[in-house]
């Protein structure tokens, strides 16, 4: 829900480059003539005071090197803790390349519940854009930044494809509000929807139950569709936090949450019974 480990923003794919930038900012690279001497650089970083590392990280995170749609510091595929098999190419049961299914590796599979809600990327908009919409130039800047941060090759082709696919060509005039809608939809599909579906396809198995939900953003956000929203609103809706934070949720949203409650209770009950049975209680 509202994210996936396969999303481009969930992992640092260029961790070595970022680490080298931090080492340079922390004055650790000049200690050796050959930058390939990673052991010396790592020892220097380990011995450096925390304040020095924080200052170096702040330099790397400046706007000049800031990536809007990527994570500079976070989990990375280091080959030890995260081995990266889930990203290895291989033929899945669907016939498309991508992460291998857990069942293909002989690992245990479980019932899977996953889902998405639209307009998850509305937080990328400024307050002015949220209220008045976007023009074509602003849309292009957002989509180009997303493509540049997500893909290394064929960036121009991918950008043009996004513009073509997420433009309502039946409209003779592109209104700023409609451009805003299509832009947020494109970003949400790339940042949240596609990775979640890919992860669900990776975890599902023919002999296990799989549940996929799609929540209409109008149900969750209502009048807050582009204002005062945050990633994960769907999670709060599904797990009934609307009853605990009533000042944030409207009355009709709490009514919809109460309708979903019996299904969530039954889901928890069935999972608990199955777990106790598997443990021979």
C-alpha atoms as a PDB file:
ATOM      1  CA  UNK A   1       0.000   0.000   0.000  1.00  0.00           C
ATOM      2  CA  UNK A   2       1.254   3.439  -0.962  1.00  0.00           C
ATOM      3  CA  UNK A   3       4.668   2.199  -1.929  1.00  0.00           C
ATOM      4  CA  UNK A   4       6.831  -0.735  -2.881  1.00  0.00           C
ATOM      5  CA  UNK A   5      10.411  -1.854  -2.415  1.00  0.00           C
ATOM      6  CA  UNK A   6      10.606  -1.965  -6.214  1.00  0.00           C
ATOM      7  CA  UNK A   7       9.819   1.753  -6.559  1.00  0.00           C
ATOM      8  CA  UNK A   8      12.575   3.952  -7.938  1.00  0.00           C
ATOM      9  CA  UNK A   9      12.493   6.147  -4.821  1.00  0.00           C
ATOM     10  CA  UNK A  10      12.685   3.241  -2.342  1.00  0.00           C
ATOM     11  CA  UNK A  11      16.301   2.260  -3.030  1.00  0.00           C
ATOM     12  CA  UNK A  12      19.519   4.132  -3.698  1.00  0.00           C
ATOM     13  CA  UNK A  13      20.595   2.658  -7.015  1.00  0.00           C
ATOM     14  CA  UNK A  14      23.792   4.708  -7.264  1.00  0.00           C
ATOM     15  CA  UNK A  15      24.941   4.211  -3.673  1.00  0.00           C
ATOM     16  CA  UNK A  16      28.618   3.968  -4.644  1.00  0.00           C
ATOM     17  CA  UNK A  17      28.543   7.343  -6.363  1.00  0.00           C
ATOM     18  CA  UNK A  18      26.795   8.953  -3.394  1.00  0.00           C
ATOM     19  CA  UNK A  19      29.262   7.359  -0.969  1.00  0.00           C
ATOM     20  CA  UNK A  20      32.164   8.722  -3.014  1.00  0.00           C
ATOM     21  CA  UNK A  21      30.631  12.203  -2.956  1.00  0.00           C
ATOM     22  CA  UNK A  22      30.268  12.006   0.825  1.00  0.00           C
ATOM     23  CA  UNK A  23      33.861  10.793   1.117  1.00  0.00           C
ATOM     24  CA  UNK A  24      35.072  13.697  -0.990  1.00  0.00           C
ATOM     25  CA  UNK A  25      33.098  16.185   1.102  1.00  0.00           C
ATOM     26  CA  UNK A  26      34.472  14.576   4.280  1.00  0.00           C
ATOM     27  CA  UNK A  27      38.076  14.877   3.026  1.00  0.00           C
ATOM     28  CA  UNK A  28      38.586  11.125   2.861  1.00  0.00           C
ATOM     29  CA  UNK A  29      39.369  10.666  -0.835  1.00  0.00           C
ATOM     30  CA  UNK A  30      42.519  12.796  -0.927  1.00  0.00           C
ATOM     31  CA  UNK A  31      44.205  10.375   1.487  1.00  0.00           C
ATOM     32  CA  UNK A  32      44.873   7.955  -1.354  1.00  0.00           C
ATOM     33  CA  UNK A  33      46.069   8.551  -4.867  1.00  0.00           C
ATOM     34  CA  UNK A  34      43.869   5.836  -6.336  1.00  0.00           C
ATOM     35  CA  UNK A  35      40.135   6.201  -5.712  1.00  0.00           C
ATOM     36  CA  UNK A  36      39.697   2.481  -6.234  1.00  0.00           C
ATOM     37  CA  UNK A  37      41.254   1.938  -2.800  1.00  0.00           C
ATOM     38  CA  UNK A  38      37.820   1.673  -1.225  1.00  0.00           C
ATOM     39  CA  UNK A  39      39.084   0.075   1.980  1.00  0.00           C
ATOM     40  CA  UNK A  40      41.078   3.166   2.936  1.00  0.00           C
ATOM     41  CA  UNK A  41      38.119   5.416   2.144  1.00  0.00           C
ATOM     42  CA  UNK A  42      35.759   3.262   4.218  1.00  0.00           C
ATOM     43  CA  UNK A  43      38.141   3.244   7.176  1.00  0.00           C
ATOM     44  CA  UNK A  44      38.339   7.026   6.999  1.00  0.00           C
ATOM     45  CA  UNK A  45      34.550   7.329   6.979  1.00  0.00           C
ATOM     46  CA  UNK A  46      34.254   4.923   9.909  1.00  0.00           C
ATOM     47  CA  UNK A  47      36.719   6.931  11.978  1.00  0.00           C
ATOM     48  CA  UNK A  48      35.277  10.326  11.043  1.00  0.00           C
ATOM     49  CA  UNK A  49      33.211  12.107  13.734  1.00  0.00           C
ATOM     50  CA  UNK A  50      29.457  12.119  13.262  1.00  0.00           C
ATOM     51  CA  UNK A  51      29.385  15.895  12.903  1.00  0.00           C
ATOM     52  CA  UNK A  52      31.829  15.705  10.008  1.00  0.00           C
ATOM     53  CA  UNK A  53      29.734  13.062   8.241  1.00  0.00           C
ATOM     54  CA  UNK A  54      26.580  15.137   8.737  1.00  0.00           C
ATOM     55  CA  UNK A  55      28.254  18.197   7.259  1.00  0.00           C
ATOM     56  CA  UNK A  56      29.444  16.154   4.281  1.00  0.00           C
ATOM     57  CA  UNK A  57      25.966  14.694   3.777  1.00  0.00           C
ATOM     58  CA  UNK A  58      24.485  18.189   3.854  1.00  0.00           C
ATOM     59  CA  UNK A  59      26.844  19.255   1.072  1.00  0.00           C
ATOM     60  CA  UNK A  60      25.863  16.265  -1.066  1.00  0.00           C
ATOM     61  CA  UNK A  61      22.173  16.973  -0.449  1.00  0.00           C
ATOM     62  CA  UNK A  62      22.309  20.565  -1.657  1.00  0.00           C
ATOM     63  CA  UNK A  63      19.878  21.641  -4.397  1.00  0.00           C
ATOM     64  CA  UNK A  64      22.607  21.411  -7.026  1.00  0.00           C
ATOM     65  CA  UNK A  65      22.776  17.642  -6.575  1.00  0.00           C
ATOM     66  CA  UNK A  66      19.210  17.143  -5.336  1.00  0.00           C
ATOM     67  CA  UNK A  67      17.099  14.579  -7.130  1.00  0.00           C
ATOM     68  CA  UNK A  68      13.431  15.253  -6.729  1.00  0.00           C
ATOM     69  CA  UNK A  69      12.202  11.756  -7.484  1.00  0.00           C
ATOM     70  CA  UNK A  70      15.080   9.733  -6.082  1.00  0.00           C
ATOM     71  CA  UNK A  71      16.480   8.903  -2.667  1.00  0.00           C
ATOM     72  CA  UNK A  72      20.008  10.080  -1.947  1.00  0.00           C
ATOM     73  CA  UNK A  73      20.370   8.283   1.382  1.00  0.00           C
ATOM     74  CA  UNK A  74      18.552   5.057   2.161  1.00  0.00           C
ATOM     75  CA  UNK A  75      18.594   1.295   1.570  1.00  0.00           C
ATOM     76  CA  UNK A  76      20.810   0.067  -1.225  1.00  0.00           C
ATOM     77  CA  UNK A  77      21.465  -3.273  -2.901  1.00  0.00           C
ATOM     78  CA  UNK A  78      24.779  -4.011  -1.230  1.00  0.00           C
ATOM     79  CA  UNK A  79      24.900  -7.719  -2.084  1.00  0.00           C
ATOM     80  CA  UNK A  80      24.968  -8.641   1.615  1.00  0.00           C
ATOM     81  CA  UNK A  81      21.826  -7.463   3.398  1.00  0.00           C
ATOM     82  CA  UNK A  82      19.909  -6.850   0.168  1.00  0.00           C
ATOM     83  CA  UNK A  83      21.180  -9.309  -2.402  1.00  0.00           C
ATOM     84  CA  UNK A  84      19.168  -8.026  -5.325  1.00  0.00           C
ATOM     85  CA  UNK A  85      17.723 -11.298  -6.631  1.00  0.00           C
ATOM     86  CA  UNK A  86      14.302  -9.664  -6.660  1.00  0.00           C
ATOM     87  CA  UNK A  87      15.578  -7.343  -9.372  1.00  0.00           C
ATOM     88  CA  UNK A  88      17.303  -9.988 -11.459  1.00  0.00           C
ATOM     89  CA  UNK A  89      15.872 -10.420 -14.902  1.00  0.00           C
ATOM     90  CA  UNK A  90      14.145 -13.650 -15.660  1.00  0.00           C
ATOM     91  CA  UNK A  91      11.021 -14.999 -17.212  1.00  0.00           C
ATOM     92  CA  UNK A  92       8.114 -14.905 -14.840  1.00  0.00           C
ATOM     93  CA  UNK A  93       4.982 -16.939 -15.282  1.00  0.00           C
ATOM     94  CA  UNK A  94       3.422 -14.023 -17.092  1.00  0.00           C
ATOM     95  CA  UNK A  95       6.099 -14.277 -19.760  1.00  0.00           C
ATOM     96  CA  UNK A  96       7.501 -10.800 -19.197  1.00  0.00           C
ATOM     97  CA  UNK A  97      10.979  -9.992 -17.997  1.00  0.00           C
ATOM     98  CA  UNK A  98      11.451  -8.673 -14.496  1.00  0.00           C
ATOM     99  CA  UNK A  99      11.681  -9.912 -10.937  1.00  0.00           C
ATOM    100  CA  UNK A 100      11.295 -13.646 -10.487  1.00  0.00           C
ATOM    101  CA  UNK A 101       8.301 -14.969  -8.610  1.00  0.00           C
ATOM    102  CA  UNK A 102       8.957 -16.343  -5.153  1.00  0.00           C
ATOM    103  CA  UNK A 103       7.316 -19.621  -6.186  1.00  0.00           C
ATOM    104  CA  UNK A 104       9.862 -20.027  -9.003  1.00  0.00           C
ATOM    105  CA  UNK A 105      12.682 -19.931  -6.460  1.00  0.00           C
ATOM    106  CA  UNK A 106      11.073 -22.595  -4.292  1.00  0.00           C
ATOM    107  CA  UNK A 107      10.521 -20.176  -1.423  1.00  0.00           C
ATOM    108  CA  UNK A 108       7.316 -20.115   0.650  1.00  0.00           C
ATOM    109  CA  UNK A 109       4.455 -18.067  -0.692  1.00  0.00           C
ATOM    110  CA  UNK A 110       1.630 -16.463   1.232  1.00  0.00           C
ATOM    111  CA  UNK A 111      -1.744 -14.900   0.647  1.00  0.00           C
ATOM    112  CA  UNK A 112      -1.146 -11.441  -0.764  1.00  0.00           C
ATOM    113  CA  UNK A 113      -3.126  -8.238  -0.263  1.00  0.00           C
ATOM    114  CA  UNK A 114      -1.949  -5.201  -2.185  1.00  0.00           C
ATOM    115  CA  UNK A 115      -3.522  -2.195  -3.766  1.00  0.00           C
ATOM    116  CA  UNK A 116      -3.234   1.370  -4.954  1.00  0.00           C
ATOM    117  CA  UNK A 117      -5.043   4.658  -4.801  1.00  0.00           C
ATOM    118  CA  UNK A 118      -4.851   7.341  -7.421  1.00  0.00           C
ATOM    119  CA  UNK A 119      -3.132  10.712  -7.194  1.00  0.00           C
ATOM    120  CA  UNK A 120      -0.522   9.574  -4.660  1.00  0.00           C
ATOM    121  CA  UNK A 121       1.958  12.038  -6.166  1.00  0.00           C
ATOM    122  CA  UNK A 122      -0.160  15.124  -5.560  1.00  0.00           C
ATOM    123  CA  UNK A 123       2.337  16.167  -2.878  1.00  0.00           C
ATOM    124  CA  UNK A 124       4.796  16.962  -5.682  1.00  0.00           C
ATOM    125  CA  UNK A 125       2.735  20.013  -6.600  1.00  0.00           C
ATOM    126  CA  UNK A 126       3.190  23.442  -5.114  1.00  0.00           C
ATOM    127  CA  UNK A 127       0.291  25.084  -3.324  1.00  0.00           C
ATOM    128  CA  UNK A 128      -0.299  27.368  -6.296  1.00  0.00           C
ATOM    129  CA  UNK A 129      -0.293  24.457  -8.763  1.00  0.00           C
ATOM    130  CA  UNK A 130      -2.643  22.489  -6.509  1.00  0.00           C
ATOM    131  CA  UNK A 131      -5.194  25.286  -6.678  1.00  0.00           C
ATOM    132  CA  UNK A 132      -4.755  26.744 -10.160  1.00  0.00           C
ATOM    133  CA  UNK A 133      -3.293  23.861 -12.158  1.00  0.00           C
ATOM    134  CA  UNK A 134      -0.255  23.547 -14.406  1.00  0.00           C
ATOM    135  CA  UNK A 135       0.683  24.909 -17.781  1.00  0.00           C
ATOM    136  CA  UNK A 136       2.524  22.933 -20.430  1.00  0.00           C
ATOM    137  CA  UNK A 137       5.963  24.203 -19.423  1.00  0.00           C
ATOM    138  CA  UNK A 138       5.476  23.282 -15.762  1.00  0.00           C
ATOM    139  CA  UNK A 139       4.224  19.846 -16.746  1.00  0.00           C
ATOM    140  CA  UNK A 140       7.244  19.262 -18.962  1.00  0.00           C
ATOM    141  CA  UNK A 141       9.628  20.267 -16.164  1.00  0.00           C
ATOM    142  CA  UNK A 142       8.027  17.805 -13.746  1.00  0.00           C
ATOM    143  CA  UNK A 143       7.939  14.914 -16.197  1.00  0.00           C
ATOM    144  CA  UNK A 144      11.479  15.547 -17.445  1.00  0.00           C
ATOM    145  CA  UNK A 145      12.751  15.568 -13.855  1.00  0.00           C
ATOM    146  CA  UNK A 146      10.938  12.301 -13.157  1.00  0.00           C
ATOM    147  CA  UNK A 147      12.343  10.634 -16.277  1.00  0.00           C
ATOM    148  CA  UNK A 148      15.877  11.895 -15.603  1.00  0.00           C
ATOM    149  CA  UNK A 149      15.787  10.591 -12.015  1.00  0.00           C
ATOM    150  CA  UNK A 150      14.246   7.237 -12.928  1.00  0.00           C
ATOM    151  CA  UNK A 151      15.755   6.157 -16.257  1.00  0.00           C
ATOM    152  CA  UNK A 152      19.271   6.244 -17.641  1.00  0.00           C
ATOM    153  CA  UNK A 153      18.601   5.530 -21.298  1.00  0.00           C
ATOM    154  CA  UNK A 154      16.087   6.708 -23.920  1.00  0.00           C
ATOM    155  CA  UNK A 155      14.991   9.584 -21.697  1.00  0.00           C
ATOM    156  CA  UNK A 156      13.679  11.711 -24.560  1.00  0.00           C
ATOM    157  CA  UNK A 157      11.603   8.856 -25.976  1.00  0.00           C
ATOM    158  CA  UNK A 158      10.154   8.028 -22.551  1.00  0.00           C
ATOM    159  CA  UNK A 159       9.294  11.667 -21.879  1.00  0.00           C
ATOM    160  CA  UNK A 160       7.515  12.066 -25.221  1.00  0.00           C
ATOM    161  CA  UNK A 161       5.617   8.826 -24.613  1.00  0.00           C
ATOM    162  CA  UNK A 162       4.420  10.067 -21.216  1.00  0.00           C
ATOM    163  CA  UNK A 163       3.222  13.350 -22.675  1.00  0.00           C
ATOM    164  CA  UNK A 164       1.412  11.541 -25.478  1.00  0.00           C
ATOM    165  CA  UNK A 165      -0.227   8.888 -23.296  1.00  0.00           C
ATOM    166  CA  UNK A 166      -1.290  11.246 -20.512  1.00  0.00           C
ATOM    167  CA  UNK A 167      -2.729  14.011 -22.667  1.00  0.00           C
ATOM    168  CA  UNK A 168      -6.438  14.144 -23.391  1.00  0.00           C
ATOM    169  CA  UNK A 169      -6.265  14.754 -27.117  1.00  0.00           C
ATOM    170  CA  UNK A 170     -10.041  15.035 -27.376  1.00  0.00           C
ATOM    171  CA  UNK A 171      -9.835  18.420 -25.675  1.00  0.00           C
ATOM    172  CA  UNK A 172      -9.290  21.211 -28.170  1.00  0.00           C
ATOM    173  CA  UNK A 173      -7.817  23.385 -25.412  1.00  0.00           C
ATOM    174  CA  UNK A 174      -5.679  21.989 -22.613  1.00  0.00           C
ATOM    175  CA  UNK A 175      -6.908  23.638 -19.424  1.00  0.00           C
ATOM    176  CA  UNK A 176      -4.407  24.005 -16.540  1.00  0.00           C
ATOM    177  CA  UNK A 177      -6.642  21.868 -14.330  1.00  0.00           C
ATOM    178  CA  UNK A 178      -6.740  19.010 -16.843  1.00  0.00           C
ATOM    179  CA  UNK A 179      -2.959  19.251 -17.293  1.00  0.00           C
ATOM    180  CA  UNK A 180      -2.586  19.045 -13.523  1.00  0.00           C
ATOM    181  CA  UNK A 181      -4.812  15.963 -13.386  1.00  0.00           C
ATOM    182  CA  UNK A 182      -2.946  14.102 -16.121  1.00  0.00           C
ATOM    183  CA  UNK A 183       0.482  15.047 -14.763  1.00  0.00           C
ATOM    184  CA  UNK A 184      -0.275  13.825 -11.249  1.00  0.00           C
ATOM    185  CA  UNK A 185      -1.768  10.659 -12.708  1.00  0.00           C
ATOM    186  CA  UNK A 186       1.402   9.997 -14.705  1.00  0.00           C
ATOM    187  CA  UNK A 187       3.653  10.582 -11.697  1.00  0.00           C
ATOM    188  CA  UNK A 188       1.448   8.445  -9.455  1.00  0.00           C
ATOM    189  CA  UNK A 189       1.482   5.577 -11.942  1.00  0.00           C
ATOM    190  CA  UNK A 190       5.264   5.701 -12.197  1.00  0.00           C
ATOM    191  CA  UNK A 191       6.059   6.219  -8.518  1.00  0.00           C
ATOM    192  CA  UNK A 192       3.425   4.051  -6.846  1.00  0.00           C
ATOM    193  CA  UNK A 193       1.008   2.102  -9.040  1.00  0.00           C
ATOM    194  CA  UNK A 194       3.425   0.298 -11.375  1.00  0.00           C
ATOM    195  CA  UNK A 195       5.881  -0.736  -8.610  1.00  0.00           C
ATOM    196  CA  UNK A 196       3.036  -1.990  -6.405  1.00  0.00           C
ATOM    197  CA  UNK A 197       1.556  -4.098  -9.204  1.00  0.00           C
ATOM    198  CA  UNK A 198       5.002  -5.448 -10.092  1.00  0.00           C
ATOM    199  CA  UNK A 199       5.612  -6.425  -6.467  1.00  0.00           C
ATOM    200  CA  UNK A 200       2.190  -8.048  -6.231  1.00  0.00           C
ATOM    201  CA  UNK A 201       2.858 -10.046  -9.383  1.00  0.00           C
ATOM    202  CA  UNK A 202       6.195 -11.135  -7.928  1.00  0.00           C
ATOM    203  CA  UNK A 203       4.698 -12.330  -4.633  1.00  0.00           C
ATOM    204  CA  UNK A 204       1.539 -13.978  -5.915  1.00  0.00           C
ATOM    205  CA  UNK A 205       1.240 -17.699  -6.510  1.00  0.00           C
ATOM    206  CA  UNK A 206      -1.421 -19.760  -8.320  1.00  0.00           C
ATOM    207  CA  UNK A 207      -2.115 -21.863  -5.213  1.00  0.00           C
ATOM    208  CA  UNK A 208      -2.532 -18.874  -2.886  1.00  0.00           C
ATOM    209  CA  UNK A 209      -5.182 -16.195  -2.581  1.00  0.00           C
ATOM    210  CA  UNK A 210      -4.367 -12.753  -3.920  1.00  0.00           C
ATOM    211  CA  UNK A 211      -6.387  -9.617  -3.234  1.00  0.00           C
ATOM    212  CA  UNK A 212      -5.950  -6.413  -5.180  1.00  0.00           C
ATOM    213  CA  UNK A 213      -7.855  -3.227  -4.410  1.00  0.00           C
ATOM    214  CA  UNK A 214      -8.119   0.157  -6.101  1.00  0.00           C
ATOM    215  CA  UNK A 215      -9.386   3.068  -4.031  1.00  0.00           C
ATOM    216  CA  UNK A 216     -10.958   6.015  -5.782  1.00  0.00           C
ATOM    217  CA  UNK A 217      -8.994   9.073  -4.638  1.00  0.00           C
ATOM    218  CA  UNK A 218     -12.224  11.042  -4.435  1.00  0.00           C
ATOM    219  CA  UNK A 219     -13.338   8.707  -1.634  1.00  0.00           C
ATOM    220  CA  UNK A 220     -10.175   9.250   0.368  1.00  0.00           C
ATOM    221  CA  UNK A 221      -9.403  12.861  -0.312  1.00  0.00           C
ATOM    222  CA  UNK A 222     -12.670  14.477  -1.291  1.00  0.00           C
ATOM    223  CA  UNK A 223     -12.168  18.221  -1.054  1.00  0.00           C
ATOM    224  CA  UNK A 224      -8.578  17.564   0.090  1.00  0.00           C
ATOM    225  CA  UNK A 225      -7.652  16.024  -3.248  1.00  0.00           C
ATOM    226  CA  UNK A 226      -4.729  18.324  -3.898  1.00  0.00           C
ATOM    227  CA  UNK A 227      -4.501  20.176  -0.623  1.00  0.00           C
ATOM    228  CA  UNK A 228      -3.505  18.837   2.790  1.00  0.00           C
ATOM    229  CA  UNK A 229      -3.008  15.335   1.402  1.00  0.00           C
ATOM    230  CA  UNK A 230      -0.137  12.984   2.042  1.00  0.00           C
ATOM    231  CA  UNK A 231       1.162   9.661   0.826  1.00  0.00           C
ATOM    232  CA  UNK A 232      -0.533   6.878   2.755  1.00  0.00           C
ATOM    233  CA  UNK A 233      -4.015   8.337   3.143  1.00  0.00           C
ATOM    234  CA  UNK A 234      -5.374   5.049   1.800  1.00  0.00           C
ATOM    235  CA  UNK A 235      -3.606   3.145   4.573  1.00  0.00           C
ATOM    236  CA  UNK A 236      -5.273   5.285   7.199  1.00  0.00           C
ATOM    237  CA  UNK A 237      -8.620   4.776   5.517  1.00  0.00           C
ATOM    238  CA  UNK A 238      -8.270   0.992   5.391  1.00  0.00           C
ATOM    239  CA  UNK A 239      -7.123   0.689   8.993  1.00  0.00           C
ATOM    240  CA  UNK A 240      -9.830   2.926  10.422  1.00  0.00           C
ATOM    241  CA  UNK A 241      -7.690   5.767  11.705  1.00  0.00           C
ATOM    242  CA  UNK A 242     -10.565   8.020  10.667  1.00  0.00           C
ATOM    243  CA  UNK A 243     -12.188   7.108  13.984  1.00  0.00           C
ATOM    244  CA  UNK A 244      -9.143   8.269  15.946  1.00  0.00           C
ATOM    245  CA  UNK A 245      -8.391  11.477  14.019  1.00  0.00           C
ATOM    246  CA  UNK A 246     -11.859  12.776  13.303  1.00  0.00           C
ATOM    247  CA  UNK A 247     -10.661  16.337  12.823  1.00  0.00           C
ATOM    248  CA  UNK A 248      -8.793  15.258   9.679  1.00  0.00           C
ATOM    249  CA  UNK A 249     -11.443  13.012   8.148  1.00  0.00           C
ATOM    250  CA  UNK A 250     -14.863  14.141   6.985  1.00  0.00           C
ATOM    251  CA  UNK A 251     -18.015  12.449   8.255  1.00  0.00           C
ATOM    252  CA  UNK A 252     -18.734  10.666   4.959  1.00  0.00           C
ATOM    253  CA  UNK A 253     -15.196   9.255   4.988  1.00  0.00           C
ATOM    254  CA  UNK A 254     -15.767   7.792   8.453  1.00  0.00           C
ATOM    255  CA  UNK A 255     -19.000   6.226   7.205  1.00  0.00           C
ATOM    256  CA  UNK A 256     -17.178   4.514   4.347  1.00  0.00           C
ATOM    257  CA  UNK A 257     -14.483   3.322   6.741  1.00  0.00           C
ATOM    258  CA  UNK A 258     -17.126   1.813   9.020  1.00  0.00           C
ATOM    259  CA  UNK A 259     -18.529  -0.111   6.046  1.00  0.00           C
ATOM    260  CA  UNK A 260     -15.095  -1.617   5.420  1.00  0.00           C
ATOM    261  CA  UNK A 261     -14.551  -2.512   9.068  1.00  0.00           C
ATOM    262  CA  UNK A 262     -16.422  -5.880   9.095  1.00  0.00           C
ATOM    263  CA  UNK A 263     -14.325  -7.082   6.172  1.00  0.00           C
ATOM    264  CA  UNK A 264     -11.096  -6.098   7.906  1.00  0.00           C
ATOM    265  CA  UNK A 265     -12.186  -7.827  11.118  1.00  0.00           C
ATOM    266  CA  UNK A 266     -13.041 -11.011   9.236  1.00  0.00           C
ATOM    267  CA  UNK A 267      -9.716 -10.863   7.422  1.00  0.00           C
ATOM    268  CA  UNK A 268      -7.818 -10.574  10.710  1.00  0.00           C
ATOM    269  CA  UNK A 269      -9.868 -13.373  12.282  1.00  0.00           C
ATOM    270  CA  UNK A 270      -9.275 -15.777   9.402  1.00  0.00           C
ATOM    271  CA  UNK A 271      -5.546 -15.041   9.372  1.00  0.00           C
ATOM    272  CA  UNK A 272      -5.302 -15.595  13.131  1.00  0.00           C
ATOM    273  CA  UNK A 273      -7.163 -18.911  12.926  1.00  0.00           C
ATOM    274  CA  UNK A 274      -4.951 -20.089  10.080  1.00  0.00           C
ATOM    275  CA  UNK A 275      -1.811 -19.106  11.974  1.00  0.00           C
ATOM    276  CA  UNK A 276      -2.905 -20.963  15.097  1.00  0.00           C
ATOM    277  CA  UNK A 277      -3.763 -24.014  13.012  1.00  0.00           C
ATOM    278  CA  UNK A 278      -0.358 -23.964  11.320  1.00  0.00           C
ATOM    279  CA  UNK A 279       1.298 -23.770  14.740  1.00  0.00           C
ATOM    280  CA  UNK A 280      -0.791 -26.741  15.967  1.00  0.00           C
ATOM    281  CA  UNK A 281      -2.451 -24.754  18.749  1.00  0.00           C
END
